[in-house]
Amino acid sequence: VMLRMPVGEVTPEQWDVVMDLNLRAPFFISQAAARHLPDGG
């Protein structure tokens, strides 16, 4: 998600949405996928 949020207007809820989707999700998808990916994945 890419949301325009100028400094001074950012809420904790908006921050969490961005971080949860853009950063946390790729990490935990990758962590889970690593258990299944073959050599060369």
Full PDB file with SEQRES, HELIX, SHEET, SSBOND, CRYST1, ORIGX, SCALE, CONECT and MASTER records, all heavy atoms in Angstrom:
SEQRES   1 A   41  VAL MET LEU ARG MET PRO VAL GLY GLU VAL THR PRO GLU          
SEQRES   2 A   41  GLN TRP ASP VAL VAL MET ASP LEU ASN LEU ARG ALA PRO          
SEQRES   3 A   41  PHE PHE ILE SER GLN ALA ALA ALA ARG HIS LEU PRO ASP          
SEQRES   4 A   41  GLY GLY                                                      
HELIX    1 AA1 PRO A   12  MET A   19  1                                   8    
HELIX    2 AA2 ASP A   20  ARG A   24  3                                   5    
HELIX    3 AA3 ALA A   25  ALA A   34  1                                  10    
CRYST1    1.000    1.000    1.000  90.00  90.00  90.00 P 1           1          
ORIGX1      1.000000  0.000000  0.000000        0.00000                         
ORIGX2      0.000000  1.000000  0.000000        0.00000                         
ORIGX3      0.000000  0.000000  1.000000        0.00000                         
SCALE1      1.000000  0.000000  0.000000        0.00000                         
SCALE2      0.000000  1.000000  0.000000        0.00000                         
SCALE3      0.000000  0.000000  1.000000        0.00000                         
ATOM      1  N   VAL A   1       0.861  -1.180   0.000  1.00  0.00           N  
ATOM      2  CA  VAL A   1       0.000   0.000   0.000  1.00  0.00           C  
ATOM      3  C   VAL A   1       0.896   1.228   0.000  1.00  0.00           C  
ATOM      4  O   VAL A   1       1.948   1.248   0.643  1.00  0.00           O  
ATOM      5  CB  VAL A   1      -0.949   0.006   1.226  1.00  0.00           C  
ATOM      6  CG1 VAL A   1      -0.175   0.031   2.533  1.00  0.00           C  
ATOM      7  CG2 VAL A   1      -1.928   1.172   1.145  1.00  0.00           C  
ATOM      8  N   MET A   2       0.501   2.236  -0.780  1.00  0.00           N  
ATOM      9  CA  MET A   2       1.255   3.491  -0.839  1.00  0.00           C  
ATOM     10  C   MET A   2       0.286   4.628  -0.576  1.00  0.00           C  
ATOM     11  O   MET A   2      -0.531   4.980  -1.434  1.00  0.00           O  
ATOM     12  CB  MET A   2       1.924   3.661  -2.201  1.00  0.00           C  
ATOM     13  CG  MET A   2       2.765   4.916  -2.315  1.00  0.00           C  
ATOM     14  SD  MET A   2       3.596   5.004  -3.936  1.00  0.00           S  
ATOM     15  CE  MET A   2       4.560   6.497  -3.721  1.00  0.00           C  
ATOM     16  N   LEU A   3       0.363   5.184   0.609  1.00  0.00           N  
ATOM     17  CA  LEU A   3      -0.557   6.229   1.024  1.00  0.00           C  
ATOM     18  C   LEU A   3       0.211   7.525   1.281  1.00  0.00           C  
ATOM     19  O   LEU A   3       1.251   7.511   1.938  1.00  0.00           O  
ATOM     20  CB  LEU A   3      -1.293   5.824   2.302  1.00  0.00           C  
ATOM     21  CG  LEU A   3      -2.104   4.528   2.245  1.00  0.00           C  
ATOM     22  CD1 LEU A   3      -2.653   4.201   3.625  1.00  0.00           C  
ATOM     23  CD2 LEU A   3      -3.232   4.645   1.226  1.00  0.00           C  
ATOM     24  N   ARG A   4      -0.314   8.620   0.760  1.00  0.00           N  
ATOM     25  CA  ARG A   4       0.291   9.916   1.045  1.00  0.00           C  
ATOM     26  C   ARG A   4      -0.084  10.315   2.466  1.00  0.00           C  
ATOM     27  O   ARG A   4      -1.258  10.455   2.798  1.00  0.00           O  
ATOM     28  CB  ARG A   4      -0.188  10.971   0.058  1.00  0.00           C  
ATOM     29  CG  ARG A   4       0.412  12.348   0.325  1.00  0.00           C  
ATOM     30  CD  ARG A   4       0.070  13.348  -0.763  1.00  0.00           C  
ATOM     31  NE  ARG A   4       0.574  14.666  -0.437  1.00  0.00           N  
ATOM     32  CZ  ARG A   4       1.830  15.065  -0.583  1.00  0.00           C  
ATOM     33  NH1 ARG A   4       2.715  14.221  -1.105  1.00  0.00           N  
ATOM     34  NH2 ARG A   4       2.221  16.272  -0.259  1.00  0.00           N  
ATOM     35  N   MET A   5       0.938  10.481   3.325  1.00  0.00           N  
ATOM     36  CA  MET A   5       0.717  10.815   4.728  1.00  0.00           C  
ATOM     37  C   MET A   5       1.779  11.810   5.172  1.00  0.00           C  
ATOM     38  O   MET A   5       2.831  11.419   5.685  1.00  0.00           O  
ATOM     39  CB  MET A   5       0.768   9.551   5.591  1.00  0.00           C  
ATOM     40  CG  MET A   5      -0.389   8.595   5.377  1.00  0.00           C  
ATOM     41  SD  MET A   5      -0.355   7.190   6.526  1.00  0.00           S  
ATOM     42  CE  MET A   5       0.883   6.162   5.770  1.00  0.00           C  
ATOM     43  N   PRO A   6       1.550  13.097   4.961  1.00  0.00           N  
ATOM     44  CA  PRO A   6       2.549  14.101   5.367  1.00  0.00           C  
ATOM     45  C   PRO A   6       2.812  14.058   6.866  1.00  0.00           C  
ATOM     46  O   PRO A   6       1.921  13.741   7.670  1.00  0.00           O  
ATOM     47  CB  PRO A   6       1.894  15.427   4.955  1.00  0.00           C  
ATOM     48  CG  PRO A   6       0.889  15.063   3.918  1.00  0.00           C  
ATOM     49  CD  PRO A   6       0.387  13.711   4.306  1.00  0.00           C  
ATOM     50  N   VAL A   7       4.040  14.369   7.229  1.00  0.00           N  
ATOM     51  CA  VAL A   7       4.402  14.423   8.646  1.00  0.00           C  
ATOM     52  C   VAL A   7       3.495  15.423   9.358  1.00  0.00           C  
ATOM     53  O   VAL A   7       3.227  16.516   8.864  1.00  0.00           O  
ATOM     54  CB  VAL A   7       5.880  14.836   8.807  1.00  0.00           C  
ATOM     55  CG1 VAL A   7       6.218  15.071  10.274  1.00  0.00           C  
ATOM     56  CG2 VAL A   7       6.788  13.775   8.214  1.00  0.00           C  
ATOM     57  N   GLY A   8       3.014  15.030  10.517  1.00  0.00           N  
ATOM     58  CA  GLY A   8       2.063  15.845  11.258  1.00  0.00           C  
ATOM     59  C   GLY A   8       0.649  15.334  11.136  1.00  0.00           C  
ATOM     60  O   GLY A   8      -0.222  15.705  11.929  1.00  0.00           O  
ATOM     61  N   GLU A   9       0.415  14.466  10.119  1.00  0.00           N  
ATOM     62  CA  GLU A   9      -0.920  13.927   9.893  1.00  0.00           C  
ATOM     63  C   GLU A   9      -0.991  12.411  10.040  1.00  0.00           C  
ATOM     64  O   GLU A   9      -2.072  11.829   9.979  1.00  0.00           O  
ATOM     65  CB  GLU A   9      -1.407  14.314   8.489  1.00  0.00           C  
ATOM     66  CG  GLU A   9      -1.469  15.823   8.246  1.00  0.00           C  
ATOM     67  CD  GLU A   9      -1.879  16.168   6.827  1.00  0.00           C  
ATOM     68  OE1 GLU A   9      -2.341  15.256   6.108  1.00  0.00           O  
ATOM     69  OE2 GLU A   9      -1.722  17.345   6.429  1.00  0.00           O  
ATOM     70  N   VAL A  10       0.151  11.768  10.227  1.00  0.00           N  
ATOM     71  CA  VAL A  10       0.183  10.307  10.300  1.00  0.00           C  
ATOM     72  C   VAL A  10      -0.391   9.834  11.631  1.00  0.00           C  
ATOM     73  O   VAL A  10      -0.030  10.343  12.696  1.00  0.00           O  
ATOM     74  CB  VAL A  10       1.619   9.782  10.149  1.00  0.00           C  
ATOM     75  CG1 VAL A  10       1.637   8.253  10.192  1.00  0.00           C  
ATOM     76  CG2 VAL A  10       2.255  10.297   8.859  1.00  0.00           C  
ATOM     77  N   THR A  11      -1.276   8.853  11.577  1.00  0.00           N  
ATOM     78  CA  THR A  11      -1.830   8.259  12.786  1.00  0.00           C  
ATOM     79  C   THR A  11      -1.169   6.898  13.040  1.00  0.00           C  
ATOM     80  O   THR A  11      -0.655   6.261  12.106  1.00  0.00           O  
ATOM     81  CB  THR A  11      -3.344   8.044  12.661  1.00  0.00           C  
ATOM     82  OG1 THR A  11      -3.585   7.032  11.668  1.00  0.00           O  
ATOM     83  CG2 THR A  11      -4.044   9.346  12.258  1.00  0.00           C  
ATOM     84  N   PRO A  12      -1.171   6.437  14.267  1.00  0.00           N  
ATOM     85  CA  PRO A  12      -0.625   5.101  14.541  1.00  0.00           C  
ATOM     86  C   PRO A  12      -1.317   4.009  13.733  1.00  0.00           C  
ATOM     87  O   PRO A  12      -0.667   3.045  13.306  1.00  0.00           O  
ATOM     88  CB  PRO A  12      -0.862   4.927  16.049  1.00  0.00           C  
ATOM     89  CG  PRO A  12      -0.881   6.318  16.590  1.00  0.00           C  
ATOM     90  CD  PRO A  12      -1.546   7.136  15.519  1.00  0.00           C  
ATOM     91  N   GLU A  13      -2.616   4.165  13.515  1.00  0.00           N  
ATOM     92  CA  GLU A  13      -3.360   3.161  12.758  1.00  0.00           C  
ATOM     93  C   GLU A  13      -2.872   3.109  11.311  1.00  0.00           C  
ATOM     94  O   GLU A  13      -2.697   2.026  10.731  1.00  0.00           O  
ATOM     95  CB  GLU A  13      -4.853   3.465  12.809  1.00  0.00           C  
ATOM     96  CG  GLU A  13      -5.498   3.283  14.180  1.00  0.00           C  
ATOM     97  CD  GLU A  13      -5.181   4.430  15.132  1.00  0.00           C  
ATOM     98  OE1 GLU A  13      -4.748   5.508  14.666  1.00  0.00           O  
ATOM     99  OE2 GLU A  13      -5.372   4.248  16.356  1.00  0.00           O  
ATOM    100  N   GLN A  14      -2.643   4.288  10.709  1.00  0.00           N  
ATOM    101  CA  GLN A  14      -2.129   4.323   9.342  1.00  0.00           C  
ATOM    102  C   GLN A  14      -0.734   3.728   9.266  1.00  0.00           C  
ATOM    103  O   GLN A  14      -0.408   2.972   8.344  1.00  0.00           O  
ATOM    104  CB  GLN A  14      -2.118   5.765   8.829  1.00  0.00           C  
ATOM    105  CG  GLN A  14      -3.489   6.362   8.575  1.00  0.00           C  
ATOM    106  CD  GLN A  14      -3.408   7.839   8.247  1.00  0.00           C  
ATOM    107  OE1 GLN A  14      -2.586   8.574   8.797  1.00  0.00           O  
ATOM    108  NE2 GLN A  14      -4.264   8.288   7.337  1.00  0.00           N  
ATOM    109  N   TRP A  15       0.101   4.078  10.227  1.00  0.00           N  
ATOM    110  CA  TRP A  15       1.457   3.537  10.285  1.00  0.00           C  
ATOM    111  C   TRP A  15       1.427   2.011  10.318  1.00  0.00           C  
ATOM    112  O   TRP A  15       2.170   1.338   9.587  1.00  0.00           O  
ATOM    113  CB  TRP A  15       2.180   4.093  11.512  1.00  0.00           C  
ATOM    114  CG  TRP A  15       3.532   3.514  11.755  1.00  0.00           C  
ATOM    115  CD1 TRP A  15       3.829   2.369  12.439  1.00  0.00           C  
ATOM    116  CD2 TRP A  15       4.784   4.046  11.296  1.00  0.00           C  
ATOM    117  NE1 TRP A  15       5.190   2.153  12.454  1.00  0.00           N  
ATOM    118  CE2 TRP A  15       5.798   3.166  11.756  1.00  0.00           C  
ATOM    119  CE3 TRP A  15       5.138   5.172  10.557  1.00  0.00           C  
ATOM    120  CZ2 TRP A  15       7.145   3.379  11.486  1.00  0.00           C  
ATOM    121  CZ3 TRP A  15       6.486   5.389  10.297  1.00  0.00           C  
ATOM    122  CH2 TRP A  15       7.473   4.503  10.757  1.00  0.00           C  
ATOM    123  N   ASP A  16       0.560   1.465  11.154  1.00  0.00           N  
ATOM    124  CA  ASP A  16       0.491   0.010  11.294  1.00  0.00           C  
ATOM    125  C   ASP A  16       0.040  -0.661  10.008  1.00  0.00           C  
ATOM    126  O   ASP A  16       0.564  -1.721   9.633  1.00  0.00           O  
ATOM    127  CB  ASP A  16      -0.448  -0.369  12.436  1.00  0.00           C  
ATOM    128  CG  ASP A  16       0.151  -0.085  13.806  1.00  0.00           C  
ATOM    129  OD1 ASP A  16       1.374   0.159  13.885  1.00  0.00           O  
ATOM    130  OD2 ASP A  16      -0.603  -0.092  14.798  1.00  0.00           O  
ATOM    131  N   VAL A  17      -0.921  -0.084   9.321  1.00  0.00           N  
ATOM    132  CA  VAL A  17      -1.394  -0.676   8.070  1.00  0.00           C  
ATOM    133  C   VAL A  17      -0.257  -0.778   7.060  1.00  0.00           C  
ATOM    134  O   VAL A  17      -0.057  -1.817   6.410  1.00  0.00           O  
ATOM    135  CB  VAL A  17      -2.566   0.139   7.486  1.00  0.00           C  
ATOM    136  CG1 VAL A  17      -2.832  -0.260   6.037  1.00  0.00           C  
ATOM    137  CG2 VAL A  17      -3.825  -0.065   8.316  1.00  0.00           C  
ATOM    138  N   VAL A  18       0.501   0.305   6.929  1.00  0.00           N  
ATOM    139  CA  VAL A  18       1.603   0.324   5.972  1.00  0.00           C  
ATOM    140  C   VAL A  18       2.673  -0.696   6.357  1.00  0.00           C  
ATOM    141  O   VAL A  18       3.123  -1.492   5.519  1.00  0.00           O  
ATOM    142  CB  VAL A  18       2.204   1.743   5.872  1.00  0.00           C  
ATOM    143  CG1 VAL A  18       3.487   1.719   5.043  1.00  0.00           C  
ATOM    144  CG2 VAL A  18       1.197   2.710   5.271  1.00  0.00           C  
ATOM    145  N   MET A  19       3.084  -0.688   7.600  1.00  0.00           N  
ATOM    146  CA  MET A  19       4.140  -1.597   8.030  1.00  0.00           C  
ATOM    147  C   MET A  19       3.693  -3.058   8.000  1.00  0.00           C  
ATOM    148  O   MET A  19       4.467  -3.955   7.632  1.00  0.00           O  
ATOM    149  CB  MET A  19       4.624  -1.226   9.431  1.00  0.00           C  
ATOM    150  CG  MET A  19       5.337   0.103   9.499  1.00  0.00           C  
ATOM    151  SD  MET A  19       6.853   0.093   8.506  1.00  0.00           S  
ATOM    152  CE  MET A  19       7.237   1.850   8.520  1.00  0.00           C  
ATOM    153  N   ASP A  20       2.461  -3.300   8.382  1.00  0.00           N  
ATOM    154  CA  ASP A  20       1.972  -4.678   8.410  1.00  0.00           C  
ATOM    155  C   ASP A  20       1.959  -5.296   7.016  1.00  0.00           C  
ATOM    156  O   ASP A  20       2.347  -6.461   6.838  1.00  0.00           O  
ATOM    157  CB  ASP A  20       0.560  -4.734   9.005  1.00  0.00           C  
ATOM    158  CG  ASP A  20       0.541  -4.435  10.497  1.00  0.00           C  
ATOM    159  OD1 ASP A  20       1.634  -4.353  11.104  1.00  0.00           O  
ATOM    160  OD2 ASP A  20      -0.561  -4.267  11.043  1.00  0.00           O  
ATOM    161  N   LEU A  21       1.507  -4.534   6.023  1.00  0.00           N  
ATOM    162  CA  LEU A  21       1.410  -5.079   4.667  1.00  0.00           C  
ATOM    163  C   LEU A  21       2.745  -5.025   3.929  1.00  0.00           C  
ATOM    164  O   LEU A  21       3.139  -5.988   3.271  1.00  0.00           O  
ATOM    165  CB  LEU A  21       0.349  -4.318   3.876  1.00  0.00           C  
ATOM    166  CG  LEU A  21       0.108  -4.799   2.428  1.00  0.00           C  
ATOM    167  CD1 LEU A  21      -0.254  -6.277   2.406  1.00  0.00           C  
ATOM    168  CD2 LEU A  21      -0.981  -3.963   1.765  1.00  0.00           C  
ATOM    169  N   ASN A  22       3.444  -3.904   4.027  1.00  0.00           N  
ATOM    170  CA  ASN A  22       4.640  -3.698   3.213  1.00  0.00           C  
ATOM    171  C   ASN A  22       5.886  -4.376   3.756  1.00  0.00           C  
ATOM    172  O   ASN A  22       6.813  -4.654   2.987  1.00  0.00           O  
ATOM    173  CB  ASN A  22       4.931  -2.204   3.077  1.00  0.00           C  
ATOM    174  CG  ASN A  22       3.886  -1.464   2.267  1.00  0.00           C  
ATOM    175  OD1 ASN A  22       2.841  -2.008   1.938  1.00  0.00           O  
ATOM    176  ND2 ASN A  22       4.169  -0.215   1.959  1.00  0.00           N  
ATOM    177  N   LEU A  23       5.935  -4.627   5.066  1.00  0.00           N  
ATOM    178  CA  LEU A  23       7.160  -5.163   5.653  1.00  0.00           C  
ATOM    179  C   LEU A  23       6.938  -6.451   6.442  1.00  0.00           C  
ATOM    180  O   LEU A  23       7.652  -7.431   6.233  1.00  0.00           O  
ATOM    181  CB  LEU A  23       7.799  -4.099   6.555  1.00  0.00           C  
ATOM    182  CG  LEU A  23       9.157  -4.445   7.164  1.00  0.00           C  
ATOM    183  CD1 LEU A  23      10.175  -4.794   6.084  1.00  0.00           C  
ATOM    184  CD2 LEU A  23       9.655  -3.285   8.024  1.00  0.00           C  
ATOM    185  N   ARG A  24       5.971  -6.432   7.354  1.00  0.00           N  
ATOM    186  CA  ARG A  24       5.766  -7.639   8.159  1.00  0.00           C  
ATOM    187  C   ARG A  24       5.320  -8.820   7.308  1.00  0.00           C  
ATOM    188  O   ARG A  24       5.852  -9.936   7.449  1.00  0.00           O  
ATOM    189  CB  ARG A  24       4.733  -7.374   9.265  1.00  0.00           C  
ATOM    190  CG  ARG A  24       4.614  -8.549  10.261  1.00  0.00           C  
ATOM    191  CD  ARG A  24       3.586  -8.264  11.331  1.00  0.00           C  
ATOM    192  NE  ARG A  24       2.226  -8.273  10.779  1.00  0.00           N  
ATOM    193  CZ  ARG A  24       1.150  -7.933  11.463  1.00  0.00           C  
ATOM    194  NH1 ARG A  24       1.267  -7.521  12.719  1.00  0.00           N  
ATOM    195  NH2 ARG A  24      -0.052  -7.982  10.902  1.00  0.00           N  
ATOM    196  N   ALA A  25       4.360  -8.599   6.414  1.00  0.00           N  
ATOM    197  CA  ALA A  25       3.847  -9.703   5.606  1.00  0.00           C  
ATOM    198  C   ALA A  25       4.927 -10.352   4.735  1.00  0.00           C  
ATOM    199  O   ALA A  25       5.023 -11.591   4.701  1.00  0.00           O  
ATOM    200  CB  ALA A  25       2.670  -9.226   4.754  1.00  0.00           C  
ATOM    201  N   PRO A  26       5.766  -9.580   4.016  1.00  0.00           N  
ATOM    202  CA  PRO A  26       6.817 -10.241   3.234  1.00  0.00           C  
ATOM    203  C   PRO A  26       7.764 -11.084   4.080  1.00  0.00           C  
ATOM    204  O   PRO A  26       8.210 -12.151   3.646  1.00  0.00           O  
ATOM    205  CB  PRO A  26       7.555  -9.072   2.571  1.00  0.00           C  
ATOM    206  CG  PRO A  26       6.542  -7.993   2.476  1.00  0.00           C  
ATOM    207  CD  PRO A  26       5.702  -8.137   3.719  1.00  0.00           C  
ATOM    208  N   PHE A  27       8.063 -10.603   5.299  1.00  0.00           N  
ATOM    209  CA  PHE A  27       8.958 -11.400   6.143  1.00  0.00           C  
ATOM    210  C   PHE A  27       8.323 -12.735   6.512  1.00  0.00           C  
ATOM    211  O   PHE A  27       8.943 -13.797   6.379  1.00  0.00           O  
ATOM    212  CB  PHE A  27       9.338 -10.652   7.418  1.00  0.00           C  
ATOM    213  CG  PHE A  27      10.117 -11.524   8.361  1.00  0.00           C  
ATOM    214  CD1 PHE A  27      11.460 -11.789   8.128  1.00  0.00           C  
ATOM    215  CD2 PHE A  27       9.506 -12.120   9.461  1.00  0.00           C  
ATOM    216  CE1 PHE A  27      12.181 -12.629   8.976  1.00  0.00           C  
ATOM    217  CE2 PHE A  27      10.217 -12.961  10.308  1.00  0.00           C  
ATOM    218  CZ  PHE A  27      11.564 -13.212  10.061  1.00  0.00           C  
ATOM    219  N   PHE A  28       7.086 -12.701   6.984  1.00  0.00           N  
ATOM    220  CA  PHE A  28       6.479 -13.947   7.456  1.00  0.00           C  
ATOM    221  C   PHE A  28       6.074 -14.865   6.305  1.00  0.00           C  
ATOM    222  O   PHE A  28       6.063 -16.088   6.470  1.00  0.00           O  
ATOM    223  CB  PHE A  28       5.317 -13.645   8.400  1.00  0.00           C  
ATOM    224  CG  PHE A  28       5.795 -13.216   9.761  1.00  0.00           C  
ATOM    225  CD1 PHE A  28       5.813 -11.885  10.127  1.00  0.00           C  
ATOM    226  CD2 PHE A  28       6.292 -14.152  10.658  1.00  0.00           C  
ATOM    227  CE1 PHE A  28       6.288 -11.488  11.366  1.00  0.00           C  
ATOM    228  CE2 PHE A  28       6.771 -13.775  11.900  1.00  0.00           C  
ATOM    229  CZ  PHE A  28       6.772 -12.433  12.260  1.00  0.00           C  
ATOM    230  N   ILE A  29       5.769 -14.295   5.148  1.00  0.00           N  
ATOM    231  CA  ILE A  29       5.576 -15.144   3.970  1.00  0.00           C  
ATOM    232  C   ILE A  29       6.883 -15.842   3.621  1.00  0.00           C  
ATOM    233  O   ILE A  29       6.913 -17.055   3.365  1.00  0.00           O  
ATOM    234  CB  ILE A  29       5.063 -14.316   2.779  1.00  0.00           C  
ATOM    235  CG1 ILE A  29       3.598 -13.923   2.996  1.00  0.00           C  
ATOM    236  CG2 ILE A  29       5.210 -15.097   1.461  1.00  0.00           C  
ATOM    237  CD1 ILE A  29       3.055 -12.966   1.959  1.00  0.00           C  
ATOM    238  N   SER A  30       7.974 -15.089   3.614  1.00  0.00           N  
ATOM    239  CA  SER A  30       9.277 -15.672   3.279  1.00  0.00           C  
ATOM    240  C   SER A  30       9.688 -16.720   4.302  1.00  0.00           C  
ATOM    241  O   SER A  30      10.221 -17.788   3.949  1.00  0.00           O  
ATOM    242  CB  SER A  30      10.326 -14.569   3.196  1.00  0.00           C  
ATOM    243  OG  SER A  30       9.998 -13.625   2.192  1.00  0.00           O  
ATOM    244  N   GLN A  31       9.470 -16.433   5.568  1.00  0.00           N  
ATOM    245  CA  GLN A  31       9.830 -17.385   6.618  1.00  0.00           C  
ATOM    246  C   GLN A  31       9.059 -18.690   6.464  1.00  0.00           C  
ATOM    247  O   GLN A  31       9.632 -19.790   6.580  1.00  0.00           O  
ATOM    248  CB  GLN A  31       9.554 -16.769   7.988  1.00  0.00           C  
ATOM    249  CG  GLN A  31       9.885 -17.684   9.152  1.00  0.00           C  
ATOM    250  CD  GLN A  31       9.750 -16.979  10.493  1.00  0.00           C  
ATOM    251  OE1 GLN A  31      10.735 -16.495  11.040  1.00  0.00           O  
ATOM    252  NE2 GLN A  31       8.532 -16.907  11.018  1.00  0.00           N  
ATOM    253  N   ALA A  32       7.764 -18.572   6.183  1.00  0.00           N  
ATOM    254  CA  ALA A  32       6.955 -19.775   5.994  1.00  0.00           C  
ATOM    255  C   ALA A  32       7.336 -20.498   4.705  1.00  0.00           C  
ATOM    256  O   ALA A  32       7.404 -21.735   4.661  1.00  0.00           O  
ATOM    257  CB  ALA A  32       5.473 -19.412   5.979  1.00  0.00           C  
ATOM    258  N   ALA A  33       7.581 -19.730   3.646  1.00  0.00           N  
ATOM    259  CA  ALA A  33       7.916 -20.334   2.356  1.00  0.00           C  
ATOM    260  C   ALA A  33       9.241 -21.079   2.415  1.00  0.00           C  
ATOM    261  O   ALA A  33       9.419 -22.097   1.723  1.00  0.00           O  
ATOM    262  CB  ALA A  33       7.968 -19.267   1.279  1.00  0.00           C  
ATOM    263  N   ALA A  34      10.177 -20.593   3.217  1.00  0.00           N  
ATOM    264  CA  ALA A  34      11.507 -21.213   3.285  1.00  0.00           C  
ATOM    265  C   ALA A  34      11.429 -22.676   3.697  1.00  0.00           C  
ATOM    266  O   ALA A  34      12.315 -23.475   3.359  1.00  0.00           O  
ATOM    267  CB  ALA A  34      12.399 -20.441   4.250  1.00  0.00           C  
ATOM    268  N   ARG A  35      10.393 -23.048   4.412  1.00  0.00           N  
ATOM    269  CA  ARG A  35      10.236 -24.449   4.822  1.00  0.00           C  
ATOM    270  C   ARG A  35       9.854 -25.339   3.659  1.00  0.00           C  
ATOM    271  O   ARG A  35       9.972 -26.573   3.743  1.00  0.00           O  
ATOM    272  CB  ARG A  35       9.181 -24.551   5.929  1.00  0.00           C  
ATOM    273  CG  ARG A  35       9.556 -23.836   7.211  1.00  0.00           C  
ATOM    274  CD  ARG A  35       8.637 -24.256   8.354  1.00  0.00           C  
ATOM    275  NE  ARG A  35       7.278 -23.757   8.187  1.00  0.00           N  
ATOM    276  CZ  ARG A  35       6.825 -22.627   8.714  1.00  0.00           C  
ATOM    277  NH1 ARG A  35       7.642 -21.871   9.434  1.00  0.00           N  
ATOM    278  NH2 ARG A  35       5.582 -22.248   8.529  1.00  0.00           N  
ATOM    279  N   HIS A  36       9.360 -24.753   2.576  1.00  0.00           N  
ATOM    280  CA  HIS A  36       8.860 -25.530   1.446  1.00  0.00           C  
ATOM    281  C   HIS A  36       9.662 -25.344   0.170  1.00  0.00           C  
ATOM    282  O   HIS A  36       9.621 -26.217  -0.706  1.00  0.00           O  
ATOM    283  CB  HIS A  36       7.403 -25.154   1.161  1.00  0.00           C  
ATOM    284  CG  HIS A  36       6.479 -25.365   2.319  1.00  0.00           C  
ATOM    285  ND1 HIS A  36       6.018 -26.619   2.685  1.00  0.00           N  
ATOM    286  CD2 HIS A  36       5.940 -24.487   3.215  1.00  0.00           C  
ATOM    287  CE1 HIS A  36       5.226 -26.501   3.746  1.00  0.00           C  
ATOM    288  NE2 HIS A  36       5.161 -25.227   4.084  1.00  0.00           N  
ATOM    289  N   LEU A  37      10.349 -24.222   0.029  1.00  0.00           N  
ATOM    290  CA  LEU A  37      11.096 -23.976  -1.196  1.00  0.00           C  
ATOM    291  C   LEU A  37      12.191 -25.015  -1.378  1.00  0.00           C  
ATOM    292  O   LEU A  37      12.887 -25.370  -0.432  1.00  0.00           O  
ATOM    293  CB  LEU A  37      11.710 -22.577  -1.169  1.00  0.00           C  
ATOM    294  CG  LEU A  37      10.722 -21.411  -1.264  1.00  0.00           C  
ATOM    295  CD1 LEU A  37      11.430 -20.093  -0.939  1.00  0.00           C  
ATOM    296  CD2 LEU A  37      10.095 -21.339  -2.651  1.00  0.00           C  
ATOM    297  N   PRO A  38      12.393 -25.491  -2.592  1.00  0.00           N  
ATOM    298  CA  PRO A  38      13.442 -26.482  -2.840  1.00  0.00           C  
ATOM    299  C   PRO A  38      14.803 -25.812  -2.964  1.00  0.00           C  
ATOM    300  O   PRO A  38      14.915 -24.581  -2.971  1.00  0.00           O  
ATOM    301  CB  PRO A  38      13.017 -27.073  -4.187  1.00  0.00           C  
ATOM    302  CG  PRO A  38      12.393 -25.900  -4.892  1.00  0.00           C  
ATOM    303  CD  PRO A  38      11.658 -25.129  -3.812  1.00  0.00           C  
ATOM    304  N   ASP A  39      15.842 -26.599  -3.063  1.00  0.00           N  
ATOM    305  CA  ASP A  39      17.142 -26.052  -3.404  1.00  0.00           C  
ATOM    306  C   ASP A  39      17.008 -25.323  -4.739  1.00  0.00           C  
ATOM    307  O   ASP A  39      16.472 -25.882  -5.712  1.00  0.00           O  
ATOM    308  CB  ASP A  39      18.182 -27.163  -3.537  1.00  0.00           C  
ATOM    309  CG  ASP A  39      18.529 -27.796  -2.192  1.00  0.00           C  
ATOM    310  OD1 ASP A  39      18.029 -27.295  -1.160  1.00  0.00           O  
ATOM    311  OD2 ASP A  39      19.276 -28.785  -2.185  1.00  0.00           O  
ATOM    312  N   GLY A  40      17.455 -24.087  -4.784  1.00  0.00           N  
ATOM    313  CA  GLY A  40      17.278 -23.283  -5.987  1.00  0.00           C  
ATOM    314  C   GLY A  40      16.012 -22.457  -5.979  1.00  0.00           C  
ATOM    315  O   GLY A  40      15.732 -21.747  -6.954  1.00  0.00           O  
ATOM    316  N   GLY A  41      15.244 -22.521  -4.894  1.00  0.00           N  
ATOM    317  CA  GLY A  41      14.054 -21.690  -4.788  1.00  0.00           C  
ATOM    318  C   GLY A  41      14.420 -20.212  -4.755  1.00  0.00           C  
ATOM    319  O   GLY A  41      15.548 -19.848  -4.411  1.00  0.00           O  
TER     320      GLY A  41                                                      
MASTER        0    0    0    3    0    0    0    6  319    1    0    4          
END                                                                             
